[in-house]
């Protein structure tokens, strides 16, 4: 299962790690982006930074193993 890590300079705690399914990661990122809108944060999956759009949503696609495979459709 991929390890999703949020590193937020403006929140406490600064780092939060979750073991999530590959299918759940984009939804969790969208929620986090909405909840922490305006904060300075980055996201990593299995130690690799995840490209995000201005809303904090994943700006790419992820395969079943949690590997980034390119830009999301329509984006």
PDB file of N, CA and C in Angstrom:
ATOM      1  N   UNK A   1       0.832  -1.181   0.000  1.00  0.00           N
ATOM      2  CA  UNK A   1       0.000   0.000   0.000  1.00  0.00           C
ATOM      3  C   UNK A   1       0.878   1.247   0.000  1.00  0.00           C
ATOM      4  N   UNK A   2       0.552   2.231  -0.817  1.00  0.00           N
ATOM      5  CA  UNK A   2       1.359   3.454  -0.845  1.00  0.00           C
ATOM      6  C   UNK A   2       1.307   4.211   0.482  1.00  0.00           C
ATOM      7  N   UNK A   3       2.410   4.867   0.804  1.00  0.00           N
ATOM      8  CA  UNK A   3       2.491   5.719   2.001  1.00  0.00           C
ATOM      9  C   UNK A   3       2.356   7.158   1.531  1.00  0.00           C
ATOM     10  N   UNK A   4       1.281   7.806   1.943  1.00  0.00           N
ATOM     11  CA  UNK A   4       0.958   9.187   1.591  1.00  0.00           C
ATOM     12  C   UNK A   4       1.401  10.079   2.748  1.00  0.00           C
ATOM     13  N   UNK A   5       2.265  11.061   2.467  1.00  0.00           N
ATOM     14  CA  UNK A   5       2.794  11.942   3.513  1.00  0.00           C
ATOM     15  C   UNK A   5       2.492  13.387   3.150  1.00  0.00           C
ATOM     16  N   UNK A   6       1.847  14.087   4.076  1.00  0.00           N
ATOM     17  CA  UNK A   6       1.591  15.524   3.937  1.00  0.00           C
ATOM     18  C   UNK A   6       2.598  16.255   4.815  1.00  0.00           C
ATOM     19  N   UNK A   7       3.325  17.221   4.233  1.00  0.00           N
ATOM     20  CA  UNK A   7       4.302  18.023   4.965  1.00  0.00           C
ATOM     21  C   UNK A   7       3.822  19.470   4.901  1.00  0.00           C
ATOM     22  N   UNK A   8       3.288  19.964   6.022  1.00  0.00           N
ATOM     23  CA  UNK A   8       2.618  21.254   6.059  1.00  0.00           C
ATOM     24  C   UNK A   8       3.365  22.203   6.997  1.00  0.00           C
ATOM     25  N   UNK A   9       3.930  23.265   6.420  1.00  0.00           N
ATOM     26  CA  UNK A   9       4.694  24.239   7.207  1.00  0.00           C
ATOM     27  C   UNK A   9       3.815  25.052   8.145  1.00  0.00           C
ATOM     28  N   UNK A  10       2.512  25.115   7.876  1.00  0.00           N
ATOM     29  CA  UNK A  10       1.616  25.974   8.650  1.00  0.00           C
ATOM     30  C   UNK A  10       0.731  25.224   9.640  1.00  0.00           C
ATOM     31  N   UNK A  11       0.852  23.915   9.722  1.00  0.00           N
ATOM     32  CA  UNK A  11      -0.041  23.127  10.580  1.00  0.00           C
ATOM     33  C   UNK A  11       0.747  22.432  11.683  1.00  0.00           C
ATOM     34  N   UNK A  12       0.010  21.928  12.651  1.00  0.00           N
ATOM     35  CA  UNK A  12       0.588  21.096  13.700  1.00  0.00           C
ATOM     36  C   UNK A  12      -0.248  19.825  13.774  1.00  0.00           C
ATOM     37  N   UNK A  13       0.338  18.671  13.626  1.00  0.00           N
ATOM     38  CA  UNK A  13       1.753  18.411  13.389  1.00  0.00           C
ATOM     39  C   UNK A  13       2.166  18.790  11.965  1.00  0.00           C
ATOM     40  N   UNK A  14       3.451  18.975  11.769  1.00  0.00           N
ATOM     41  CA  UNK A  14       3.976  19.390  10.459  1.00  0.00           C
ATOM     42  C   UNK A  14       3.882  18.277   9.423  1.00  0.00           C
ATOM     43  N   UNK A  15       4.061  17.037   9.847  1.00  0.00           N
ATOM     44  CA  UNK A  15       4.029  15.894   8.931  1.00  0.00           C
ATOM     45  C   UNK A  15       2.986  14.884   9.388  1.00  0.00           C
ATOM     46  N   UNK A  16       2.211  14.384   8.416  1.00  0.00           N
ATOM     47  CA  UNK A  16       1.218  13.348   8.691  1.00  0.00           C
ATOM     48  C   UNK A  16       1.379  12.283   7.618  1.00  0.00           C
ATOM     49  N   UNK A  17       1.510  11.025   8.042  1.00  0.00           N
ATOM     50  CA  UNK A  17       1.688   9.914   7.103  1.00  0.00           C
ATOM     51  C   UNK A  17       0.524   8.942   7.221  1.00  0.00           C
ATOM     52  N   UNK A  18       0.074   8.465   6.069  1.00  0.00           N
ATOM     53  CA  UNK A  18      -1.040   7.518   6.006  1.00  0.00           C
ATOM     54  C   UNK A  18      -0.687   6.384   5.046  1.00  0.00           C
ATOM     55  N   UNK A  19      -1.074   5.168   5.388  1.00  0.00           N
ATOM     56  CA  UNK A  19      -0.994   4.049   4.457  1.00  0.00           C
ATOM     57  C   UNK A  19      -2.363   3.963   3.797  1.00  0.00           C
ATOM     58  N   UNK A  20      -2.413   4.177   2.477  1.00  0.00           N
ATOM     59  CA  UNK A  20      -3.694   4.248   1.776  1.00  0.00           C
ATOM     60  C   UNK A  20      -3.643   3.407   0.500  1.00  0.00           C
ATOM     61  N   UNK A  21      -4.805   3.075  -0.024  1.00  0.00           N
ATOM     62  CA  UNK A  21      -4.836   2.411  -1.323  1.00  0.00           C
ATOM     63  C   UNK A  21      -4.529   3.443  -2.399  1.00  0.00           C
ATOM     64  N   UNK A  22      -4.020   2.987  -3.528  1.00  0.00           N
ATOM     65  CA  UNK A  22      -3.723   3.885  -4.638  1.00  0.00           C
ATOM     66  C   UNK A  22      -4.986   4.610  -5.094  1.00  0.00           C
ATOM     67  N   UNK A  23      -6.118   3.940  -5.045  1.00  0.00           N
ATOM     68  CA  UNK A  23      -7.376   4.548  -5.477  1.00  0.00           C
ATOM     69  C   UNK A  23      -7.841   5.654  -4.537  1.00  0.00           C
ATOM     70  N   UNK A  24      -7.492   5.557  -3.244  1.00  0.00           N
ATOM     71  CA  UNK A  24      -7.943   6.544  -2.263  1.00  0.00           C
ATOM     72  C   UNK A  24      -7.065   7.792  -2.221  1.00  0.00           C
ATOM     73  N   UNK A  25      -5.802   7.681  -2.633  1.00  0.00           N
ATOM     74  CA  UNK A  25      -4.859   8.797  -2.505  1.00  0.00           C
ATOM     75  C   UNK A  25      -5.349  10.093  -3.151  1.00  0.00           C
ATOM     76  N   UNK A  26      -5.852  10.084  -4.398  1.00  0.00           N
ATOM     77  CA  UNK A  26      -6.314  11.346  -4.985  1.00  0.00           C
ATOM     78  C   UNK A  26      -7.478  11.987  -4.221  1.00  0.00           C
ATOM     79  N   UNK A  27      -8.362  11.165  -3.674  1.00  0.00           N
ATOM     80  CA  UNK A  27      -9.509  11.692  -2.913  1.00  0.00           C
ATOM     81  C   UNK A  27      -9.063  12.303  -1.587  1.00  0.00           C
ATOM     82  N   UNK A  28      -8.114  11.650  -0.937  1.00  0.00           N
ATOM     83  CA  UNK A  28      -7.586  12.182   0.322  1.00  0.00           C
ATOM     84  C   UNK A  28      -6.840  13.487   0.071  1.00  0.00           C
ATOM     85  N   UNK A  29      -6.067  13.542  -1.013  1.00  0.00           N
ATOM     86  CA  UNK A  29      -5.364  14.777  -1.364  1.00  0.00           C
ATOM     87  C   UNK A  29      -6.340  15.916  -1.637  1.00  0.00           C
ATOM     88  N   UNK A  30      -7.445  15.633  -2.324  1.00  0.00           N
ATOM     89  CA  UNK A  30      -8.443  16.669  -2.612  1.00  0.00           C
ATOM     90  C   UNK A  30      -9.059  17.191  -1.315  1.00  0.00           C
ATOM     91  N   UNK A  31      -9.372  16.291  -0.382  1.00  0.00           N
ATOM     92  CA  UNK A  31      -9.938  16.718   0.901  1.00  0.00           C
ATOM     93  C   UNK A  31      -8.923  17.568   1.662  1.00  0.00           C
ATOM     94  N   UNK A  32      -7.689  17.092   1.734  1.00  0.00           N
ATOM     95  CA  UNK A  32      -6.652  17.820   2.469  1.00  0.00           C
ATOM     96  C   UNK A  32      -6.456  19.212   1.879  1.00  0.00           C
ATOM     97  N   UNK A  33      -6.439  19.297   0.543  1.00  0.00           N
ATOM     98  CA  UNK A  33      -6.276  20.579  -0.122  1.00  0.00           C
ATOM     99  C   UNK A  33      -7.387  21.555   0.202  1.00  0.00           C
ATOM    100  N   UNK A  34      -8.616  21.037   0.318  1.00  0.00           N
ATOM    101  CA  UNK A  34      -9.748  21.901   0.667  1.00  0.00           C
ATOM    102  C   UNK A  34      -9.678  22.328   2.138  1.00  0.00           C
ATOM    103  N   UNK A  35      -9.355  21.390   3.018  1.00  0.00           N
ATOM    104  CA  UNK A  35      -9.327  21.675   4.452  1.00  0.00           C
ATOM    105  C   UNK A  35      -8.188  22.627   4.816  1.00  0.00           C
ATOM    106  N   UNK A  36      -7.028  22.454   4.182  1.00  0.00           N
ATOM    107  CA  UNK A  36      -5.856  23.264   4.499  1.00  0.00           C
ATOM    108  C   UNK A  36      -5.555  24.291   3.405  1.00  0.00           C
ATOM    109  N   UNK A  37      -6.601  24.765   2.740  1.00  0.00           N
ATOM    110  CA  UNK A  37      -6.441  25.767   1.673  1.00  0.00           C
ATOM    111  C   UNK A  37      -5.663  26.970   2.206  1.00  0.00           C
ATOM    112  N   UNK A  38      -4.686  27.416   1.454  1.00  0.00           N
ATOM    113  CA  UNK A  38      -3.871  28.564   1.847  1.00  0.00           C
ATOM    114  C   UNK A  38      -2.605  28.195   2.588  1.00  0.00           C
ATOM    115  N   UNK A  39      -2.530  26.965   3.108  1.00  0.00           N
ATOM    116  CA  UNK A  39      -1.322  26.529   3.802  1.00  0.00           C
ATOM    117  C   UNK A  39      -0.224  26.211   2.800  1.00  0.00           C
ATOM    118  N   UNK A  40       1.009  26.270   3.284  1.00  0.00           N
ATOM    119  CA  UNK A  40       2.166  25.883   2.479  1.00  0.00           C
ATOM    120  C   UNK A  40       2.473  24.420   2.778  1.00  0.00           C
ATOM    121  N   UNK A  41       2.152  23.547   1.820  1.00  0.00           N
ATOM    122  CA  UNK A  41       2.401  22.129   2.052  1.00  0.00           C
ATOM    123  C   UNK A  41       2.782  21.414   0.767  1.00  0.00           C
ATOM    124  N   UNK A  42       3.422  20.265   0.944  1.00  0.00           N
ATOM    125  CA  UNK A  42       3.745  19.371  -0.157  1.00  0.00           C
ATOM    126  C   UNK A  42       3.244  17.984   0.207  1.00  0.00           C
ATOM    127  N   UNK A  43       3.168  17.134  -0.804  1.00  0.00           N
ATOM    128  CA  UNK A  43       2.694  15.766  -0.606  1.00  0.00           C
ATOM    129  C   UNK A  43       3.679  14.819  -1.272  1.00  0.00           C
ATOM    130  N   UNK A  44       3.949  13.706  -0.611  1.00  0.00           N
ATOM    131  CA  UNK A  44       4.806  12.670  -1.188  1.00  0.00           C
ATOM    132  C   UNK A  44       4.088  11.330  -1.091  1.00  0.00           C
ATOM    133  N   UNK A  45       4.312  10.506  -2.085  1.00  0.00           N
ATOM    134  CA  UNK A  45       3.840   9.121  -2.057  1.00  0.00           C
ATOM    135  C   UNK A  45       5.072   8.245  -2.184  1.00  0.00           C
ATOM    136  N   UNK A  46       5.267   7.406  -1.177  1.00  0.00           N
ATOM    137  CA  UNK A  46       6.445   6.528  -1.135  1.00  0.00           C
ATOM    138  C   UNK A  46       7.739   7.308  -1.352  1.00  0.00           C
ATOM    139  N   UNK A  47       7.835   8.487  -0.744  1.00  0.00           N
ATOM    140  CA  UNK A  47       9.054   9.276  -0.780  1.00  0.00           C
ATOM    141  C   UNK A  47       9.241  10.144  -2.010  1.00  0.00           C
ATOM    142  N   UNK A  48       8.288  10.121  -2.937  1.00  0.00           N
ATOM    143  CA  UNK A  48       8.405  10.940  -4.157  1.00  0.00           C
ATOM    144  C   UNK A  48       7.358  12.046  -4.111  1.00  0.00           C
ATOM    145  N   UNK A  49       7.781  13.283  -4.378  1.00  0.00           N
ATOM    146  CA  UNK A  49       6.841  14.405  -4.392  1.00  0.00           C
ATOM    147  C   UNK A  49       5.770  14.185  -5.446  1.00  0.00           C
ATOM    148  N   UNK A  50       4.551  14.574  -5.106  1.00  0.00           N
ATOM    149  CA  UNK A  50       3.411  14.433  -6.011  1.00  0.00           C
ATOM    150  C   UNK A  50       3.085  15.799  -6.596  1.00  0.00           C
ATOM    151  N   UNK A  51       3.013  15.905  -7.921  1.00  0.00           N
ATOM    152  CA  UNK A  51       2.606  17.180  -8.518  1.00  0.00           C
ATOM    153  C   UNK A  51       1.141  17.467  -8.193  1.00  0.00           C
ATOM    154  N   UNK A  52       0.862  18.723  -7.806  1.00  0.00           N
ATOM    155  CA  UNK A  52      -0.499  19.104  -7.432  1.00  0.00           C
ATOM    156  C   UNK A  52      -0.931  20.319  -8.230  1.00  0.00           C
ATOM    157  N   UNK A  53      -2.250  20.456  -8.410  1.00  0.00           N
ATOM    158  CA  UNK A  53      -2.769  21.676  -9.017  1.00  0.00           C
ATOM    159  C   UNK A  53      -3.010  22.708  -7.920  1.00  0.00           C
ATOM    160  N   UNK A  54      -3.563  23.846  -8.268  1.00  0.00           N
ATOM    161  CA  UNK A  54      -3.757  24.940  -7.313  1.00  0.00           C
ATOM    162  C   UNK A  54      -4.713  24.569  -6.173  1.00  0.00           C
ATOM    163  N   UNK A  55      -5.559  23.563  -6.388  1.00  0.00           N
ATOM    164  CA  UNK A  55      -6.513  23.117  -5.367  1.00  0.00           C
ATOM    165  C   UNK A  55      -5.964  22.006  -4.492  1.00  0.00           C
ATOM    166  N   UNK A  56      -4.734  21.592  -4.729  1.00  0.00           N
ATOM    167  CA  UNK A  56      -4.150  20.512  -3.948  1.00  0.00           C
ATOM    168  C   UNK A  56      -4.520  19.140  -4.460  1.00  0.00           C
ATOM    169  N   UNK A  57      -5.140  19.074  -5.638  1.00  0.00           N
ATOM    170  CA  UNK A  57      -5.482  17.773  -6.213  1.00  0.00           C
ATOM    171  C   UNK A  57      -4.298  17.240  -7.010  1.00  0.00           C
ATOM    172  N   UNK A  58      -4.189  15.929  -7.050  1.00  0.00           N
ATOM    173  CA  UNK A  58      -3.099  15.284  -7.763  1.00  0.00           C
ATOM    174  C   UNK A  58      -3.124  15.693  -9.233  1.00  0.00           C
ATOM    175  N   UNK A  59      -1.998  16.194  -9.712  1.00  0.00           N
ATOM    176  CA  UNK A  59      -1.893  16.620 -11.098  1.00  0.00           C
ATOM    177  C   UNK A  59      -1.163  15.535 -11.892  1.00  0.00           C
ATOM    178  N   UNK A  60      -1.794  14.386 -11.969  1.00  0.00           N
ATOM    179  CA  UNK A  60      -1.233  13.237 -12.657  1.00  0.00           C
ATOM    180  C   UNK A  60      -2.071  12.025 -12.340  1.00  0.00           C
ATOM    181  N   UNK A  61      -1.742  10.918 -12.949  1.00  0.00           N
ATOM    182  CA  UNK A  61      -2.458   9.676 -12.710  1.00  0.00           C
ATOM    183  C   UNK A  61      -1.545   8.730 -11.936  1.00  0.00           C
ATOM    184  N   UNK A  62      -2.160   7.798 -11.203  1.00  0.00           N
ATOM    185  CA  UNK A  62      -1.407   6.837 -10.416  1.00  0.00           C
ATOM    186  C   UNK A  62      -1.911   5.444 -10.768  1.00  0.00           C
ATOM    187  N   UNK A  63      -0.984   4.517 -10.967  1.00  0.00           N
ATOM    188  CA  UNK A  63      -1.400   3.154 -11.264  1.00  0.00           C
ATOM    189  C   UNK A  63      -1.744   2.407  -9.980  1.00  0.00           C
ATOM    190  N   UNK A  64      -2.130   1.171 -10.109  1.00  0.00           N
ATOM    191  CA  UNK A  64      -2.596   0.371  -8.972  1.00  0.00           C
ATOM    192  C   UNK A  64      -1.524   0.192  -7.901  1.00  0.00           C
ATOM    193  N   UNK A  65      -0.240   0.321  -8.280  1.00  0.00           N
ATOM    194  CA  UNK A  65       0.854   0.157  -7.323  1.00  0.00           C
ATOM    195  C   UNK A  65       1.284   1.483  -6.682  1.00  0.00           C
ATOM    196  N   UNK A  66       0.582   2.562  -7.007  1.00  0.00           N
ATOM    197  CA  UNK A  66       0.921   3.849  -6.444  1.00  0.00           C
ATOM    198  C   UNK A  66       1.987   4.584  -7.210  1.00  0.00           C
ATOM    199  N   UNK A  67       2.304   4.139  -8.430  1.00  0.00           N
ATOM    200  CA  UNK A  67       3.306   4.786  -9.266  1.00  0.00           C
ATOM    201  C   UNK A  67       2.655   5.895 -10.087  1.00  0.00           C
ATOM    202  N   UNK A  68       3.286   7.069 -10.129  1.00  0.00           N
ATOM    203  CA  UNK A  68       2.801   8.155 -10.970  1.00  0.00           C
ATOM    204  C   UNK A  68       3.058   7.777 -12.425  1.00  0.00           C
ATOM    205  N   UNK A  69       2.027   7.935 -13.286  1.00  0.00           N
ATOM    206  CA  UNK A  69       2.181   7.510 -14.676  1.00  0.00           C
ATOM    207  C   UNK A  69       1.936   8.633 -15.679  1.00  0.00           C
ATOM    208  N   UNK A  70       1.830   9.860 -15.244  1.00  0.00           N
ATOM    209  CA  UNK A  70       1.680  10.969 -16.182  1.00  0.00           C
ATOM    210  C   UNK A  70       0.534  11.889 -15.823  1.00  0.00           C
ATOM    211  N   UNK A  71       0.312  12.912 -16.653  1.00  0.00           N
ATOM    212  CA  UNK A  71      -0.743  13.881 -16.368  1.00  0.00           C
ATOM    213  C   UNK A  71      -2.118  13.230 -16.366  1.00  0.00           C
ATOM    214  N   UNK A  72      -2.992  13.774 -15.516  1.00  0.00           N
ATOM    215  CA  UNK A  72      -4.354  13.256 -15.506  1.00  0.00           C
ATOM    216  C   UNK A  72      -5.065  13.674 -16.791  1.00  0.00           C
ATOM    217  N   UNK A  73      -6.084  12.918 -17.153  1.00  0.00           N
ATOM    218  CA  UNK A  73      -6.832  13.230 -18.362  1.00  0.00           C
ATOM    219  C   UNK A  73      -7.485  14.588 -18.236  1.00  0.00           C
ATOM    220  N   UNK A  74      -7.400  15.365 -19.297  1.00  0.00           N
ATOM    221  CA  UNK A  74      -8.007  16.695 -19.308  1.00  0.00           C
ATOM    222  C   UNK A  74      -7.196  17.735 -18.573  1.00  0.00           C
ATOM    223  N   UNK A  75      -6.003  17.390 -18.076  1.00  0.00           N
ATOM    224  CA  UNK A  75      -5.240  18.356 -17.316  1.00  0.00           C
ATOM    225  C   UNK A  75      -3.884  18.478 -17.704  1.00  0.00           C
TER     226      UNK A  75
END
